[in-house]
C-alpha atoms as a PDB file:
ATOM      1  CA  MET A   1      19.168 185.482 -39.973  1.00  0.00           C
ATOM      2  CA  THR A   2      19.030 182.950 -37.032  1.00  0.00           C
ATOM      3  CA  THR A   3      19.694 184.170 -33.477  1.00  0.00           C
ATOM      4  CA  THR A   4      20.808 182.080 -30.968  1.00  0.00           C
ATOM      5  CA  LEU A   5      19.428 182.042 -27.386  1.00  0.00           C
ATOM      6  CA  PRO A   6      21.302 181.972 -24.447  1.00  0.00           C
ATOM      7  CA  ALA A   7      21.557 179.092 -21.906  1.00  0.00           C
ATOM      8  CA  GLY A   8      19.559 179.530 -18.701  1.00  0.00           C
ATOM      9  CA  LEU A   9      15.972 180.118 -20.340  1.00  0.00           C
ATOM     10  CA  THR A  10      13.177 178.300 -19.114  1.00  0.00           C
ATOM     11  CA  ALA A  11       9.465 178.180 -20.758  1.00  0.00           C
ATOM     12  CA  THR A  12       6.441 176.277 -19.871  1.00  0.00           C
ATOM     13  CA  ALA A  13       3.274 175.117 -21.904  1.00  0.00           C
ATOM     14  CA  VAL A  14       0.196 173.626 -20.773  1.00  0.00           C
ATOM     15  CA  VAL A  15      -2.217 171.932 -23.624  1.00  0.00           C
ATOM     16  CA  ALA A  16      -5.458 170.063 -23.644  1.00  0.00           C
ATOM     17  CA  ALA A  17      -6.191 166.697 -24.871  1.00  0.00           C
ATOM     18  CA  SER A  18      -8.708 166.840 -27.721  1.00  0.00           C
ATOM     19  CA  SER A  19     -11.517 164.663 -29.348  1.00  0.00           C
ATOM     20  CA  ALA A  20     -11.724 164.675 -33.279  1.00  0.00           C
ATOM     21  CA  ASN A  21     -14.515 164.010 -35.716  1.00  0.00           C
ATOM     22  CA  LEU A  22     -17.136 163.936 -33.281  1.00  0.00           C
ATOM     23  CA  GLY A  23     -18.950 161.579 -35.294  1.00  0.00           C
ATOM     24  CA  PRO A  24     -19.626 162.837 -38.981  1.00  0.00           C
ATOM     25  CA  GLY A  25     -17.143 165.686 -38.882  1.00  0.00           C
ATOM     26  CA  PHE A  26     -14.126 163.616 -40.241  1.00  0.00           C
ATOM     27  CA  ASP A  27     -10.853 165.562 -39.902  1.00  0.00           C
ATOM     28  CA  SER A  28     -12.595 168.736 -39.486  1.00  0.00           C
ATOM     29  CA  LEU A  29     -14.592 168.989 -36.152  1.00  0.00           C
ATOM     30  CA  GLY A  30     -12.691 168.768 -32.734  1.00  0.00           C
ATOM     31  CA  LEU A  31     -13.226 169.374 -29.082  1.00  0.00           C
ATOM     32  CA  ALA A  32     -10.629 170.415 -26.645  1.00  0.00           C
ATOM     33  CA  LEU A  33     -10.948 168.299 -23.170  1.00  0.00           C
ATOM     34  CA  GLY A  34     -10.033 169.460 -19.847  1.00  0.00           C
ATOM     35  CA  LEU A  35      -7.232 166.920 -19.334  1.00  0.00           C
ATOM     36  CA  TYR A  36      -3.675 168.614 -19.703  1.00  0.00           C
ATOM     37  CA  ASP A  37       0.114 167.746 -20.631  1.00  0.00           C
ATOM     38  CA  GLU A  38       2.697 170.072 -19.674  1.00  0.00           C
ATOM     39  CA  VAL A  39       6.069 170.679 -21.451  1.00  0.00           C
ATOM     40  CA  VAL A  40       9.074 172.574 -19.675  1.00  0.00           C
ATOM     41  CA  VAL A  41      12.023 173.653 -21.711  1.00  0.00           C
ATOM     42  CA  GLU A  42      15.250 174.805 -20.607  1.00  0.00           C
ATOM     43  CA  THR A  43      18.142 175.974 -22.720  1.00  0.00           C
ATOM     44  CA  ILE A  44      21.561 174.679 -21.666  1.00  0.00           C
ATOM     45  CA  ALA A  45      25.051 175.272 -22.978  1.00  0.00           C
ATOM     46  CA  SER A  46      25.083 171.956 -24.848  1.00  0.00           C
ATOM     47  CA  GLY A  47      23.428 168.429 -25.559  1.00  0.00           C
ATOM     48  CA  LEU A  48      19.838 167.254 -25.115  1.00  0.00           C
ATOM     49  CA  SER A  49      18.372 165.734 -22.129  1.00  0.00           C
ATOM     50  CA  VAL A  50      14.467 164.393 -22.235  1.00  0.00           C
ATOM     51  CA  GLU A  51      12.338 163.457 -19.206  1.00  0.00           C
ATOM     52  CA  VAL A  52       8.930 161.942 -19.101  1.00  0.00           C
ATOM     53  CA  GLU A  53       6.716 161.762 -16.130  1.00  0.00           C
ATOM     54  CA  GLY A  54       3.245 160.060 -15.965  1.00  0.00           C
ATOM     55  CA  GLU A  55       1.992 158.789 -19.549  1.00  0.00           C
ATOM     56  CA  GLY A  56       4.453 157.444 -21.842  1.00  0.00           C
ATOM     57  CA  SER A  57       7.004 157.064 -19.364  1.00  0.00           C
ATOM     58  CA  GLY A  58       9.235 154.314 -20.055  1.00  0.00           C
ATOM     59  CA  GLN A  59       7.633 153.584 -23.284  1.00  0.00           C
ATOM     60  CA  VAL A  60       8.581 156.851 -25.656  1.00  0.00           C
ATOM     61  CA  PRO A  61      12.199 157.715 -26.948  1.00  0.00           C
ATOM     62  CA  LEU A  62      14.175 160.121 -24.731  1.00  0.00           C
ATOM     63  CA  ASP A  63      16.129 161.408 -27.602  1.00  0.00           C
ATOM     64  CA  ALA A  64      15.731 163.980 -30.562  1.00  0.00           C
ATOM     65  CA  SER A  65      13.148 161.636 -32.231  1.00  0.00           C
ATOM     66  CA  HIS A  66      10.675 162.494 -29.239  1.00  0.00           C
ATOM     67  CA  LEU A  67       7.747 164.047 -30.750  1.00  0.00           C
ATOM     68  CA  VAL A  68       7.772 167.212 -27.801  1.00  0.00           C
ATOM     69  CA  VAL A  69      11.661 167.669 -28.994  1.00  0.00           C
ATOM     70  CA  ARG A  70      10.830 167.562 -32.987  1.00  0.00           C
ATOM     71  CA  ALA A  71       7.889 170.125 -32.317  1.00  0.00           C
ATOM     72  CA  VAL A  72      10.539 172.388 -30.335  1.00  0.00           C
ATOM     73  CA  GLU A  73      12.983 172.076 -32.823  1.00  0.00           C
ATOM     74  CA  ARG A  74      10.351 173.237 -35.730  1.00  0.00           C
ATOM     75  CA  GLY A  75       9.114 175.906 -33.713  1.00  0.00           C
ATOM     76  CA  LEU A  76      12.630 177.386 -33.289  1.00  0.00           C
ATOM     77  CA  GLN A  77      13.134 177.206 -36.913  1.00  0.00           C
ATOM     78  CA  ALA A  78       9.903 179.181 -37.773  1.00  0.00           C
ATOM     79  CA  ALA A  79      10.859 181.684 -34.997  1.00  0.00           C
ATOM     80  CA  LYS A  80      14.241 181.897 -36.859  1.00  0.00           C
ATOM     81  CA  VAL A  81      16.098 181.155 -33.383  1.00  0.00           C
ATOM     82  CA  SER A  82      18.219 178.290 -32.196  1.00  0.00           C
ATOM     83  CA  VAL A  83      19.581 176.870 -28.967  1.00  0.00           C
ATOM     84  CA  PRO A  84      22.853 175.468 -27.879  1.00  0.00           C
ATOM     85  CA  GLY A  85      21.173 172.818 -25.964  1.00  0.00           C
ATOM     86  CA  MET A  86      17.995 172.013 -24.127  1.00  0.00           C
ATOM     87  CA  ILE A  87      16.429 169.885 -21.354  1.00  0.00           C
ATOM     88  CA  VAL A  88      12.941 169.013 -22.342  1.00  0.00           C
ATOM     89  CA  ARG A  89      10.775 167.900 -19.355  1.00  0.00           C
ATOM     90  CA  CYS A  90       7.086 166.331 -20.200  1.00  0.00           C
ATOM     91  CA  ARG A  91       4.476 165.652 -17.653  1.00  0.00           C
ATOM     92  CA  ASN A  92       1.797 163.938 -19.095  1.00  0.00           C
ATOM     93  CA  ASP A  93      -1.904 163.104 -17.985  1.00  0.00           C
ATOM     94  CA  ILE A  94      -3.456 162.605 -21.372  1.00  0.00           C
ATOM     95  CA  PRO A  95      -3.545 158.694 -22.120  1.00  0.00           C
ATOM     96  CA  HIS A  96      -1.567 157.405 -25.164  1.00  0.00           C
ATOM     97  CA  SER A  97      -2.981 155.809 -28.310  1.00  0.00           C
ATOM     98  CA  ARG A  98      -6.680 156.126 -27.021  1.00  0.00           C
ATOM     99  CA  GLY A  99      -8.002 158.811 -29.505  1.00  0.00           C
ATOM    100  CA  LEU A 100      -7.582 161.811 -26.977  1.00  0.00           C
ATOM    101  CA  GLY A 101      -4.948 163.802 -29.150  1.00  0.00           C
ATOM    102  CA  SER A 102      -1.951 163.024 -27.376  1.00  0.00           C
ATOM    103  CA  SER A 103       0.271 163.300 -30.301  1.00  0.00           C
ATOM    104  CA  ALA A 104      -1.352 166.724 -31.196  1.00  0.00           C
ATOM    105  CA  ALA A 105      -0.690 167.936 -27.468  1.00  0.00           C
ATOM    106  CA  ALA A 106       3.063 166.860 -27.653  1.00  0.00           C
ATOM    107  CA  VAL A 107       3.269 169.001 -30.665  1.00  0.00           C
ATOM    108  CA  VAL A 108       1.305 171.712 -29.680  1.00  0.00           C
ATOM    109  CA  GLY A 109       3.096 171.894 -26.505  1.00  0.00           C
ATOM    110  CA  GLY A 110       6.417 171.830 -27.891  1.00  0.00           C
ATOM    111  CA  LEU A 111       5.646 174.717 -30.158  1.00  0.00           C
ATOM    112  CA  ALA A 112       4.199 176.749 -27.656  1.00  0.00           C
ATOM    113  CA  ALA A 113       6.977 176.446 -25.431  1.00  0.00           C
ATOM    114  CA  VAL A 114       9.258 177.936 -28.093  1.00  0.00           C
ATOM    115  CA  ASN A 115       7.106 180.980 -27.655  1.00  0.00           C
ATOM    116  CA  GLY A 116       7.881 181.117 -23.837  1.00  0.00           C
ATOM    117  CA  LEU A 117      11.636 181.174 -24.792  1.00  0.00           C
ATOM    118  CA  VAL A 118      11.497 183.747 -27.644  1.00  0.00           C
ATOM    119  CA  SER A 119       9.574 186.054 -25.613  1.00  0.00           C
ATOM    120  CA  GLN A 120      12.575 186.429 -23.361  1.00  0.00           C
ATOM    121  CA  ALA A 121      14.843 187.261 -26.121  1.00  0.00           C
ATOM    122  CA  GLY A 122      12.880 189.960 -27.687  1.00  0.00           C
ATOM    123  CA  SER A 123      11.898 187.963 -30.645  1.00  0.00           C
ATOM    124  CA  THR A 124       8.327 187.656 -31.945  1.00  0.00           C
ATOM    125  CA  PRO A 125       6.168 184.576 -30.622  1.00  0.00           C
ATOM    126  CA  LEU A 126       4.517 182.268 -33.250  1.00  0.00           C
ATOM    127  CA  THR A 127       0.593 183.439 -33.678  1.00  0.00           C
ATOM    128  CA  GLU A 128      -2.170 181.022 -33.079  1.00  0.00           C
ATOM    129  CA  ASP A 129      -2.553 180.786 -36.933  1.00  0.00           C
ATOM    130  CA  GLN A 130       1.008 179.516 -37.079  1.00  0.00           C
ATOM    131  CA  LEU A 131       0.634 177.354 -34.072  1.00  0.00           C
ATOM    132  CA  VAL A 132      -2.306 175.738 -36.089  1.00  0.00           C
ATOM    133  CA  GLN A 133      -0.469 175.424 -39.135  1.00  0.00           C
ATOM    134  CA  LEU A 134       2.874 174.117 -37.932  1.00  0.00           C
ATOM    135  CA  SER A 135       1.100 171.478 -35.548  1.00  0.00           C
ATOM    136  CA  SER A 136      -1.420 170.133 -38.191  1.00  0.00           C
ATOM    137  CA  GLU A 137       1.715 169.607 -40.689  1.00  0.00           C
ATOM    138  CA  PHE A 138       3.181 167.255 -38.065  1.00  0.00           C
ATOM    139  CA  GLU A 139      -0.611 165.500 -37.782  1.00  0.00           C
ATOM    140  CA  GLY A 140      -1.692 165.938 -41.546  1.00  0.00           C
ATOM    141  CA  HIS A 141      -4.964 167.089 -40.575  1.00  0.00           C
ATOM    142  CA  PRO A 142      -6.010 169.902 -38.345  1.00  0.00           C
ATOM    143  CA  ASP A 143      -8.954 168.801 -36.106  1.00  0.00           C
ATOM    144  CA  ASN A 144      -6.901 167.542 -33.139  1.00  0.00           C
ATOM    145  CA  ALA A 145      -4.318 170.255 -33.431  1.00  0.00           C
ATOM    146  CA  SER A 146      -6.386 173.178 -33.696  1.00  0.00           C
ATOM    147  CA  ALA A 147      -8.468 172.163 -30.605  1.00  0.00           C
ATOM    148  CA  ALA A 148      -5.393 171.802 -28.801  1.00  0.00           C
ATOM    149  CA  VAL A 149      -4.393 175.460 -29.990  1.00  0.00           C
ATOM    150  CA  LEU A 150      -7.698 177.345 -29.518  1.00  0.00           C
ATOM    151  CA  GLY A 151      -9.475 175.207 -26.885  1.00  0.00           C
ATOM    152  CA  GLY A 152     -12.967 174.570 -26.914  1.00  0.00           C
ATOM    153  CA  ALA A 153     -14.805 173.314 -30.020  1.00  0.00           C
ATOM    154  CA  VAL A 154     -13.510 174.116 -33.473  1.00  0.00           C
ATOM    155  CA  VAL A 155     -14.347 173.746 -36.982  1.00  0.00           C
ATOM    156  CA  SER A 156     -11.157 173.229 -39.016  1.00  0.00           C
ATOM    157  CA  TRP A 157     -10.344 172.904 -42.892  1.00  0.00           C
ATOM    158  CA  THR A 158      -7.635 172.429 -45.442  1.00  0.00           C
ATOM    159  CA  GLU A 159      -6.989 174.891 -48.242  1.00  0.00           C
ATOM    160  CA  ALA A 160      -4.654 173.807 -51.306  1.00  0.00           C
ATOM    161  CA  ASP A 161      -1.675 175.498 -51.812  1.00  0.00           C
ATOM    162  CA  GLN A 162       0.970 175.401 -54.398  1.00  0.00           C
ATOM    163  CA  ARG A 163       3.713 175.011 -52.005  1.00  0.00           C
ATOM    164  CA  ARG A 164       1.980 173.144 -48.926  1.00  0.00           C
ATOM    165  CA  PRO A 165      -1.624 172.648 -47.473  1.00  0.00           C
ATOM    166  CA  ARG A 166      -2.838 175.326 -45.818  1.00  0.00           C
ATOM    167  CA  TYR A 167      -4.536 174.615 -42.142  1.00  0.00           C
ATOM    168  CA  ARG A 168      -7.186 176.934 -40.869  1.00  0.00           C
ATOM    169  CA  ALA A 169      -9.457 176.890 -37.695  1.00  0.00           C
ATOM    170  CA  VAL A 170     -12.344 178.943 -36.208  1.00  0.00           C
ATOM    171  CA  PRO A 171     -13.746 178.390 -32.810  1.00  0.00           C
ATOM    172  CA  LEU A 172     -17.388 177.372 -31.937  1.00  0.00           C
ATOM    173  CA  ARG A 173     -19.202 178.676 -28.606  1.00  0.00           C
ATOM    174  CA  LEU A 174     -20.053 175.479 -27.559  1.00  0.00           C
ATOM    175  CA  HIS A 175     -23.739 175.288 -25.615  1.00  0.00           C
ATOM    176  CA  ARG A 176     -23.894 175.922 -22.096  1.00  0.00           C
ATOM    177  CA  ASP A 177     -26.132 172.873 -21.749  1.00  0.00           C
ATOM    178  CA  ILE A 178     -23.880 170.124 -22.944  1.00  0.00           C
ATOM    179  CA  HIS A 179     -22.041 168.084 -20.496  1.00  0.00           C
ATOM    180  CA  LEU A 180     -19.013 165.900 -21.662  1.00  0.00           C
ATOM    181  CA  PHE A 181     -18.177 162.298 -20.455  1.00  0.00           C
ATOM    182  CA  THR A 182     -15.244 160.223 -21.688  1.00  0.00           C
ATOM    183  CA  ALA A 183     -15.150 156.522 -21.563  1.00  0.00           C
ATOM    184  CA  ILE A 184     -11.373 155.376 -21.741  1.00  0.00           C
ATOM    185  CA  PRO A 185     -10.474 151.608 -22.175  1.00  0.00           C
ATOM    186  CA  GLN A 186      -7.100 150.007 -21.318  1.00  0.00           C
ATOM    187  CA  GLN A 187      -6.769 148.697 -24.891  1.00  0.00           C
ATOM    188  CA  ARG A 188      -4.605 150.999 -27.330  1.00  0.00           C
ATOM    189  CA  SER A 189      -4.894 152.011 -30.874  1.00  0.00           C
ATOM    190  CA  SER A 190      -3.227 154.157 -33.301  1.00  0.00           C
ATOM    191  CA  THR A 191      -4.924 156.334 -35.981  1.00  0.00           C
ATOM    192  CA  ALA A 192      -2.579 154.920 -38.404  1.00  0.00           C
ATOM    193  CA  GLU A 193      -3.506 151.667 -37.674  1.00  0.00           C
ATOM    194  CA  THR A 194      -7.294 152.389 -37.974  1.00  0.00           C
ATOM    195  CA  ARG A 195      -7.152 154.939 -40.912  1.00  0.00           C
ATOM    196  CA  VAL A 196      -6.075 151.750 -43.230  1.00  0.00           C
ATOM    197  CA  LEU A 197      -9.388 150.260 -42.458  1.00  0.00           C
ATOM    198  CA  LEU A 198     -11.303 153.154 -44.332  1.00  0.00           C
ATOM    199  CA  PRO A 199     -12.088 152.731 -47.753  1.00  0.00           C
ATOM    200  CA  GLU A 200     -10.495 155.222 -50.270  1.00  0.00           C
ATOM    201  CA  ARG A 201     -13.837 155.905 -51.901  1.00  0.00           C
ATOM    202  CA  ILE A 202     -17.339 156.292 -50.438  1.00  0.00           C
ATOM    203  CA  ASP A 203     -20.767 156.203 -51.966  1.00  0.00           C
ATOM    204  CA  HIS A 204     -22.403 159.412 -52.695  1.00  0.00           C
ATOM    205  CA  THR A 205     -25.299 158.564 -50.603  1.00  0.00           C
ATOM    206  CA  ASP A 206     -23.039 158.162 -47.759  1.00  0.00           C
ATOM    207  CA  ALA A 207     -21.083 161.394 -48.586  1.00  0.00           C
ATOM    208  CA  ARG A 208     -24.511 163.091 -48.537  1.00  0.00           C
ATOM    209  CA  PHE A 209     -25.462 161.744 -45.008  1.00  0.00           C
ATOM    210  CA  ASN A 210     -22.222 162.771 -43.490  1.00  0.00           C
ATOM    211  CA  VAL A 211     -22.362 166.321 -44.648  1.00  0.00           C
ATOM    212  CA  SER A 212     -25.849 166.928 -43.578  1.00  0.00           C
ATOM    213  CA  ARG A 213     -24.951 165.200 -40.062  1.00  0.00           C
ATOM    214  CA  ALA A 214     -21.916 167.470 -39.915  1.00  0.00           C
ATOM    215  CA  ALA A 215     -23.673 170.595 -40.698  1.00  0.00           C
ATOM    216  CA  LEU A 216     -26.216 169.997 -38.333  1.00  0.00           C
ATOM    217  CA  LEU A 217     -23.482 169.037 -35.647  1.00  0.00           C
ATOM    218  CA  VAL A 218     -22.592 172.682 -35.673  1.00  0.00           C
ATOM    219  CA  VAL A 219     -26.039 173.818 -35.064  1.00  0.00           C
ATOM    220  CA  ALA A 220     -26.566 171.041 -32.273  1.00  0.00           C
ATOM    221  CA  LEU A 221     -23.264 172.116 -30.405  1.00  0.00           C
ATOM    222  CA  THR A 222     -23.819 175.816 -30.427  1.00  0.00           C
ATOM    223  CA  GLU A 223     -27.634 176.404 -30.526  1.00  0.00           C
ATOM    224  CA  ARG A 224     -29.639 173.055 -30.325  1.00  0.00           C
ATOM    225  CA  PRO A 225     -28.124 170.291 -28.279  1.00  0.00           C
ATOM    226  CA  ASP A 226     -31.504 168.612 -28.499  1.00  0.00           C
ATOM    227  CA  LEU A 227     -30.335 167.637 -32.148  1.00  0.00           C
ATOM    228  CA  LEU A 228     -27.044 166.034 -30.731  1.00  0.00           C
ATOM    229  CA  MET A 229     -28.276 162.418 -31.198  1.00  0.00           C
ATOM    230  CA  THR A 230     -29.215 162.904 -35.059  1.00  0.00           C
ATOM    231  CA  ALA A 231     -26.463 165.136 -35.612  1.00  0.00           C
ATOM    232  CA  THR A 232     -23.624 162.648 -34.070  1.00  0.00           C
ATOM    233  CA  GLU A 233     -24.818 159.916 -36.701  1.00  0.00           C
ATOM    234  CA  ASP A 234     -22.037 158.640 -39.035  1.00  0.00           C
ATOM    235  CA  VAL A 235     -21.441 156.117 -41.693  1.00  0.00           C
ATOM    236  CA  MET A 236     -18.146 157.319 -42.991  1.00  0.00           C
ATOM    237  CA  HIS A 237     -15.699 156.070 -40.312  1.00  0.00           C
ATOM    238  CA  GLN A 238     -16.959 154.587 -37.169  1.00  0.00           C
ATOM    239  CA  PRO A 239     -18.787 151.543 -38.707  1.00  0.00           C
ATOM    240  CA  GLN A 240     -15.514 150.630 -40.340  1.00  0.00           C
ATOM    241  CA  ARG A 241     -13.445 150.761 -37.365  1.00  0.00           C
ATOM    242  CA  ALA A 242     -16.003 148.513 -35.241  1.00  0.00           C
ATOM    243  CA  ASP A 243     -14.222 145.191 -35.900  1.00  0.00           C
ATOM    244  CA  ALA A 244     -10.692 146.615 -34.668  1.00  0.00           C
ATOM    245  CA  MET A 245     -12.417 147.889 -31.285  1.00  0.00           C
ATOM    246  CA  PRO A 246     -15.157 145.602 -30.607  1.00  0.00           C
ATOM    247  CA  ALA A 247     -15.706 146.593 -26.798  1.00  0.00           C
ATOM    248  CA  SER A 248     -15.800 150.303 -28.014  1.00  0.00           C
ATOM    249  CA  ALA A 249     -18.279 149.587 -30.692  1.00  0.00           C
ATOM    250  CA  GLU A 250     -20.442 147.728 -28.403  1.00  0.00           C
ATOM    251  CA  TYR A 251     -20.370 150.363 -25.589  1.00  0.00           C
ATOM    252  CA  LEU A 252     -20.817 153.070 -28.170  1.00  0.00           C
ATOM    253  CA  GLN A 253     -24.279 151.214 -29.213  1.00  0.00           C
ATOM    254  CA  VAL A 254     -25.257 150.834 -25.698  1.00  0.00           C
ATOM    255  CA  LEU A 255     -24.719 154.526 -24.906  1.00  0.00           C
ATOM    256  CA  ARG A 256     -26.866 155.550 -27.987  1.00  0.00           C
ATOM    257  CA  ARG A 257     -29.555 153.228 -27.078  1.00  0.00           C
ATOM    258  CA  TYR A 258     -29.954 155.085 -23.676  1.00  0.00           C
ATOM    259  CA  GLY A 259     -30.462 158.084 -25.934  1.00  0.00           C
ATOM    260  CA  ILE A 260     -26.751 159.594 -25.330  1.00  0.00           C
ATOM    261  CA  ALA A 261     -24.905 161.026 -28.194  1.00  0.00           C
ATOM    262  CA  ALA A 262     -21.914 159.094 -28.250  1.00  0.00           C
ATOM    263  CA  VAL A 263     -18.965 159.033 -30.662  1.00  0.00           C
ATOM    264  CA  LEU A 264     -15.786 157.402 -30.983  1.00  0.00           C
ATOM    265  CA  SER A 265     -13.135 159.971 -29.629  1.00  0.00           C
ATOM    266  CA  GLY A 266     -11.047 160.474 -32.795  1.00  0.00           C
ATOM    267  CA  ALA A 267     -10.031 157.092 -34.178  1.00  0.00           C
ATOM    268  CA  GLY A 268     -10.973 155.522 -30.608  1.00  0.00           C
ATOM    269  CA  PRO A 269     -10.978 153.380 -28.851  1.00  0.00           C
ATOM    270  CA  SER A 270     -12.114 155.938 -26.342  1.00  0.00           C
ATOM    271  CA  ILE A 271     -15.695 157.178 -26.507  1.00  0.00           C
ATOM    272  CA  LEU A 272     -17.034 160.542 -26.057  1.00  0.00           C
ATOM    273  CA  ALA A 273     -20.411 161.250 -24.622  1.00  0.00           C
ATOM    274  CA  LEU A 274     -22.251 164.615 -25.271  1.00  0.00           C
ATOM    275  CA  CYS A 275     -25.320 165.065 -23.060  1.00  0.00           C
ATOM    276  CA  THR A 276     -27.903 167.451 -21.967  1.00  0.00           C
ATOM    277  CA  GLN A 277     -28.220 165.830 -18.766  1.00  0.00           C
ATOM    278  CA  PRO A 278     -25.506 166.196 -16.029  1.00  0.00           C
ATOM    279  CA  GLU A 279     -25.180 162.386 -15.237  1.00  0.00           C
ATOM    280  CA  LEU A 280     -25.303 159.117 -17.315  1.00  0.00           C
ATOM    281  CA  PRO A 281     -27.775 156.608 -16.515  1.00  0.00           C
ATOM    282  CA  ALA A 282     -26.542 154.345 -13.950  1.00  0.00           C
ATOM    283  CA  GLU A 283     -27.029 151.262 -16.094  1.00  0.00           C
ATOM    284  CA  ALA A 284     -24.814 152.604 -18.679  1.00  0.00           C
ATOM    285  CA  LEU A 285     -21.945 153.536 -16.360  1.00  0.00           C
ATOM    286  CA  GLU A 286     -22.124 149.802 -14.742  1.00  0.00           C
ATOM    287  CA  PHE A 287     -22.084 148.253 -18.381  1.00  0.00           C
ATOM    288  CA  GLY A 288     -18.975 150.488 -19.098  1.00  0.00           C
ATOM    289  CA  ALA A 289     -17.200 149.598 -15.897  1.00  0.00           C
ATOM    290  CA  ALA A 290     -17.956 146.045 -16.664  1.00  0.00           C
ATOM    291  CA  SER A 291     -16.397 146.062 -20.195  1.00  0.00           C
ATOM    292  CA  GLY A 292     -13.223 147.836 -18.887  1.00  0.00           C
ATOM    293  CA  PHE A 293     -13.790 151.681 -19.342  1.00  0.00           C
ATOM    294  CA  THR A 294     -13.133 154.324 -16.974  1.00  0.00           C
ATOM    295  CA  VAL A 295     -16.125 156.730 -17.577  1.00  0.00           C
ATOM    296  CA  SER A 296     -15.404 160.247 -16.021  1.00  0.00           C
ATOM    297  CA  GLU A 297     -17.251 163.690 -16.372  1.00  0.00           C
ATOM    298  CA  MET A 298     -14.986 165.907 -18.397  1.00  0.00           C
ATOM    299  CA  THR A 299     -14.618 169.715 -18.896  1.00  0.00           C
ATOM    300  CA  VAL A 300     -14.101 171.565 -21.805  1.00  0.00           C
ATOM    301  CA  GLY A 301     -10.219 172.177 -22.218  1.00  0.00           C
ATOM    302  CA  ASP A 302      -8.776 175.570 -22.774  1.00  0.00           C
ATOM    303  CA  GLY A 303      -6.463 176.752 -25.510  1.00  0.00           C
ATOM    304  CA  VAL A 304      -2.749 176.119 -25.189  1.00  0.00           C
ATOM    305  CA  ARG A 305      -0.883 178.573 -22.564  1.00  0.00           C
ATOM    306  CA  TRP A 306       2.710 179.291 -22.319  1.00  0.00           C
ATOM    307  CA  THR A 307       4.564 181.226 -19.966  1.00  0.00           C
ATOM    308  CA  SER A 308       8.285 182.067 -19.336  1.00  0.00           C
ATOM    309  CA  GLY A 309       9.694 180.248 -16.540  1.00  0.00           C
ATOM    310  CA  VAL A 310       8.515 177.255 -14.770  1.00  0.00           C
ATOM    311  CA  ALA A 311       4.697 177.434 -14.119  1.00  0.00           C
ATOM    312  CA  VAL A 312       2.599 174.917 -12.110  1.00  0.00           C
ATOM    313  CA  ARG A 313      -0.480 173.858 -13.553  1.00  0.00           C
ATOM    314  CA  SER A 314      -3.767 175.031 -11.949  1.00  0.00           C
END
């Protein structure tokens, strides 16, 4: 039985950007980054209004097809509640179409905002497991979504089910000596566009290589950051995407020549660097700036936070 929530409720969710794959961990490893979007949902007597500030303003639809709205509707359905109408306000800092998990953040933010609404009506909020499952269903894979839900570094996987895939994830304790840097270009790219560049089948030797590196990367991220260079090697997706984003491919190789464990962030074109030193070499920074990249130190992102009412981001 569905309960209709009253008008006048407000809820806020704050959700982090994320970097997926981390080199060899295709569709499995992810890391939340300290760059956040905020979603505010207000219930009203009727209708739908969508407002977007920051990234995506003037570019995304302001109707029921908006990804956050779709996620809110799915969350309401899962929580077995409905609303007579709503205002959805999105305040975005995560760049769109750069490989930083903006779509996953939109979905997780919309779902988590539902928790802030239902908690005011005495209903049971969605659990972390439910948030991972529902948000991964939108994405079709759990790496970005689970990082946005749980925060920090995550290992995620998909289990076969007769009805639908079951998405799971567990957190990793990132080693305190690892420093993060993002290099974000002006160029845009979408996962859908670059995923078609990947072969349907890979050689057994390449599969074995990536399995070994992904396993080693878990060790490097948690216990042995000195192994990050070797652990972030990949032959399964980054070389295949290079021609579609030549500037990113070149800068990636430049960073690695300086001994920096750099990887494409998700499907690119942004780059994530994982370092044991607190600063990047000046020459590497200069090359990035000359090539059109904004290079910034980045903190590890927190798991999604939701609250009843309007909250100011910290």
